[in-house]
Amino acid sequence: MTNILKVAFREFFGMFVDDGALALAALLLIAVVGVLVKFAHADALLAAALLLLGCLLILAESVMRAARKKFQRK
């Protein structure tokens, strides 16, 4: 029964998120920047720059990881 639930959860998650590490990193980035803005009173422009740079780094890492996987299979 638990195997069926695990498979169902993975399939459901896979419908919306193809790369779990990418999604988790993006959520963590948003949470960190949100905490900085709320509690450290970071400037909005700084927060926007952190989000932009963080997203670019996360995407670059994801592309490199996917490329390594693709070339390792060949």
N, C-alpha and C. Protein backbone atom coordinates (compact mmCIF):
# COMPACT_ATOMS: atom_id res chain seq x y z
N MET A 1 0.82 -1.20 0.00
CA MET A 1 0.00 0.00 0.00
C MET A 1 0.87 1.26 0.00
N THR A 2 1.96 1.26 0.79
CA THR A 2 2.80 2.46 0.83
C THR A 2 3.56 2.66 -0.48
N ASN A 3 3.89 1.56 -1.17
CA ASN A 3 4.54 1.69 -2.47
C ASN A 3 3.63 2.39 -3.47
N ILE A 4 2.37 2.05 -3.43
CA ILE A 4 1.40 2.67 -4.34
C ILE A 4 1.30 4.17 -4.05
N LEU A 5 1.29 4.54 -2.77
CA LEU A 5 1.22 5.95 -2.41
C LEU A 5 2.49 6.69 -2.83
N LYS A 6 3.64 6.07 -2.67
CA LYS A 6 4.90 6.70 -3.09
C LYS A 6 4.92 6.92 -4.60
N VAL A 7 4.51 5.91 -5.34
CA VAL A 7 4.49 6.03 -6.80
C VAL A 7 3.49 7.11 -7.22
N ALA A 8 2.33 7.12 -6.59
CA ALA A 8 1.31 8.12 -6.93
C ALA A 8 1.82 9.53 -6.63
N PHE A 9 2.48 9.70 -5.49
CA PHE A 9 3.02 11.02 -5.14
C PHE A 9 4.09 11.46 -6.14
N ARG A 10 4.99 10.55 -6.50
CA ARG A 10 6.04 10.89 -7.47
C ARG A 10 5.46 11.27 -8.81
N GLU A 11 4.45 10.53 -9.25
CA GLU A 11 3.82 10.85 -10.54
C GLU A 11 3.11 12.19 -10.49
N PHE A 12 2.41 12.45 -9.39
CA PHE A 12 1.71 13.72 -9.23
C PHE A 12 2.71 14.87 -9.20
N PHE A 13 3.80 14.71 -8.44
CA PHE A 13 4.84 15.72 -8.36
C PHE A 13 5.50 15.93 -9.71
N GLY A 14 5.72 14.84 -10.45
CA GLY A 14 6.35 14.90 -11.76
C GLY A 14 5.52 15.62 -12.81
N MET A 15 4.20 15.68 -12.60
CA MET A 15 3.35 16.41 -13.55
C MET A 15 3.65 17.91 -13.51
N PHE A 16 4.05 18.41 -12.35
CA PHE A 16 4.26 19.84 -12.18
C PHE A 16 5.73 20.23 -12.12
N VAL A 17 6.56 19.34 -11.60
CA VAL A 17 7.97 19.65 -11.40
C VAL A 17 8.79 18.56 -12.04
N ASP A 18 9.60 18.93 -13.02
CA ASP A 18 10.45 17.95 -13.69
C ASP A 18 11.77 17.78 -12.95
N ASP A 19 12.27 18.85 -12.39
CA ASP A 19 13.55 18.84 -11.69
C ASP A 19 13.33 19.28 -10.24
N GLY A 20 13.29 18.32 -9.35
CA GLY A 20 13.03 18.61 -7.94
C GLY A 20 14.09 19.49 -7.31
N ALA A 21 15.35 19.29 -7.66
CA ALA A 21 16.43 20.10 -7.10
C ALA A 21 16.28 21.56 -7.52
N LEU A 22 15.89 21.78 -8.75
CA LEU A 22 15.68 23.14 -9.24
C LEU A 22 14.55 23.82 -8.47
N ALA A 23 13.45 23.10 -8.30
CA ALA A 23 12.30 23.66 -7.59
C ALA A 23 12.65 23.95 -6.13
N LEU A 24 13.35 23.04 -5.49
CA LEU A 24 13.72 23.24 -4.09
C LEU A 24 14.67 24.43 -3.94
N ALA A 25 15.64 24.54 -4.82
CA ALA A 25 16.58 25.67 -4.75
C ALA A 25 15.85 27.00 -4.97
N ALA A 26 14.91 27.03 -5.89
CA ALA A 26 14.15 28.26 -6.14
C ALA A 26 13.31 28.63 -4.92
N LEU A 27 12.68 27.65 -4.30
CA LEU A 27 11.88 27.93 -3.10
C LEU A 27 12.76 28.42 -1.96
N LEU A 28 13.94 27.81 -1.81
CA LEU A 28 14.87 28.26 -0.76
C LEU A 28 15.34 29.69 -1.02
N LEU A 29 15.63 30.01 -2.27
CA LEU A 29 16.05 31.36 -2.62
C LEU A 29 14.96 32.36 -2.28
N ILE A 30 13.74 32.05 -2.64
CA ILE A 30 12.62 32.95 -2.35
C ILE A 30 12.45 33.13 -0.85
N ALA A 31 12.58 32.04 -0.09
CA ALA A 31 12.44 32.12 1.36
C ALA A 31 13.54 32.97 1.98
N VAL A 32 14.78 32.78 1.54
CA VAL A 32 15.90 33.55 2.09
C VAL A 32 15.74 35.04 1.78
N VAL A 33 15.39 35.36 0.56
CA VAL A 33 15.21 36.78 0.20
C VAL A 33 14.02 37.36 0.95
N GLY A 34 12.97 36.58 1.12
CA GLY A 34 11.81 37.04 1.89
C GLY A 34 12.17 37.35 3.33
N VAL A 35 12.97 36.48 3.93
CA VAL A 35 13.41 36.72 5.31
C VAL A 35 14.29 37.97 5.39
N LEU A 36 15.17 38.14 4.42
CA LEU A 36 16.01 39.34 4.39
C LEU A 36 15.18 40.61 4.31
N VAL A 37 14.16 40.59 3.48
CA VAL A 37 13.32 41.78 3.32
C VAL A 37 12.51 42.04 4.58
N LYS A 38 11.95 40.98 5.15
CA LYS A 38 11.06 41.14 6.30
C LYS A 38 11.81 41.51 7.57
N PHE A 39 12.89 40.77 7.86
CA PHE A 39 13.53 40.94 9.16
C PHE A 39 14.80 41.79 9.12
N ALA A 40 15.52 41.77 8.02
CA ALA A 40 16.74 42.57 7.92
C ALA A 40 16.47 43.89 7.21
N HIS A 41 15.24 44.10 6.81
CA HIS A 41 14.82 45.33 6.14
C HIS A 41 15.71 45.66 4.94
N ALA A 42 15.97 44.62 4.14
CA ALA A 42 16.77 44.81 2.93
C ALA A 42 16.00 45.66 1.94
N ASP A 43 16.72 46.45 1.19
CA ASP A 43 16.14 47.31 0.17
C ASP A 43 15.49 46.46 -0.93
N ALA A 44 14.42 46.96 -1.51
CA ALA A 44 13.70 46.23 -2.55
C ALA A 44 14.58 45.98 -3.77
N LEU A 45 15.40 46.95 -4.13
CA LEU A 45 16.29 46.79 -5.28
C LEU A 45 17.32 45.69 -5.02
N LEU A 46 17.85 45.65 -3.80
CA LEU A 46 18.79 44.60 -3.43
C LEU A 46 18.11 43.23 -3.47
N ALA A 47 16.90 43.15 -2.97
CA ALA A 47 16.15 41.89 -2.98
C ALA A 47 15.91 41.43 -4.42
N ALA A 48 15.54 42.36 -5.29
CA ALA A 48 15.31 42.01 -6.70
C ALA A 48 16.59 41.52 -7.35
N ALA A 49 17.71 42.18 -7.06
CA ALA A 49 18.99 41.76 -7.62
C ALA A 49 19.38 40.38 -7.12
N LEU A 50 19.17 40.12 -5.83
CA LEU A 50 19.47 38.79 -5.27
C LEU A 50 18.62 37.71 -5.92
N LEU A 51 17.34 38.01 -6.13
CA LEU A 51 16.46 37.04 -6.79
C LEU A 51 16.92 36.77 -8.21
N LEU A 52 17.25 37.82 -8.94
CA LEU A 52 17.70 37.65 -10.33
C LEU A 52 18.99 36.84 -10.40
N LEU A 53 19.99 37.24 -9.62
CA LEU A 53 21.27 36.53 -9.65
C LEU A 53 21.13 35.10 -9.14
N GLY A 54 20.33 34.92 -8.09
CA GLY A 54 20.11 33.58 -7.56
C GLY A 54 19.44 32.67 -8.58
N CYS A 55 18.43 33.20 -9.25
CA CYS A 55 17.74 32.39 -10.28
C CYS A 55 18.67 32.03 -11.42
N LEU A 56 19.49 32.98 -11.84
CA LEU A 56 20.43 32.70 -12.92
C LEU A 56 21.44 31.63 -12.51
N LEU A 57 21.94 31.70 -11.29
CA LEU A 57 22.87 30.68 -10.80
C LEU A 57 22.21 29.31 -10.69
N ILE A 58 20.99 29.29 -10.19
CA ILE A 58 20.26 28.03 -10.05
C ILE A 58 20.01 27.41 -11.42
N LEU A 59 19.59 28.22 -12.38
CA LEU A 59 19.35 27.71 -13.72
C LEU A 59 20.63 27.22 -14.39
N ALA A 60 21.72 27.95 -14.21
CA ALA A 60 23.00 27.53 -14.79
C ALA A 60 23.44 26.19 -14.20
N GLU A 61 23.30 26.04 -12.90
CA GLU A 61 23.66 24.77 -12.26
C GLU A 61 22.79 23.63 -12.76
N SER A 62 21.52 23.90 -12.95
CA SER A 62 20.60 22.88 -13.43
C SER A 62 20.94 22.45 -14.86
N VAL A 63 21.29 23.42 -15.70
CA VAL A 63 21.67 23.10 -17.08
C VAL A 63 22.96 22.28 -17.10
N MET A 64 23.93 22.66 -16.27
CA MET A 64 25.19 21.90 -16.23
C MET A 64 24.95 20.47 -15.72
N ARG A 65 24.10 20.33 -14.72
CA ARG A 65 23.78 18.99 -14.19
C ARG A 65 23.10 18.13 -15.25
N ALA A 66 22.17 18.72 -16.00
CA ALA A 66 21.48 17.98 -17.05
C ALA A 66 22.45 17.60 -18.17
N ALA A 67 23.37 18.50 -18.50
CA ALA A 67 24.35 18.20 -19.56
C ALA A 67 25.28 17.07 -19.13
N ARG A 68 25.70 17.08 -17.87
CA ARG A 68 26.56 16.00 -17.38
C ARG A 68 25.84 14.67 -17.46
N LYS A 69 24.57 14.65 -17.07
CA LYS A 69 23.79 13.40 -17.14
C LYS A 69 23.67 12.92 -18.59
N LYS A 70 23.43 13.84 -19.50
CA LYS A 70 23.25 13.47 -20.90
C LYS A 70 24.53 12.90 -21.49
N PHE A 71 25.66 13.53 -21.20
CA PHE A 71 26.93 13.05 -21.76
C PHE A 71 27.45 11.80 -21.08
N GLN A 72 27.05 11.55 -19.83
CA GLN A 72 27.46 10.33 -19.14
C GLN A 72 26.75 9.10 -19.70
N ARG A 73 25.55 9.29 -20.23
CA ARG A 73 24.77 8.17 -20.79
C ARG A 73 25.36 7.67 -22.09
N LYS A 74 26.03 8.54 -22.85
CA LYS A 74 26.56 8.16 -24.18
C LYS A 74 27.78 7.35 -24.09
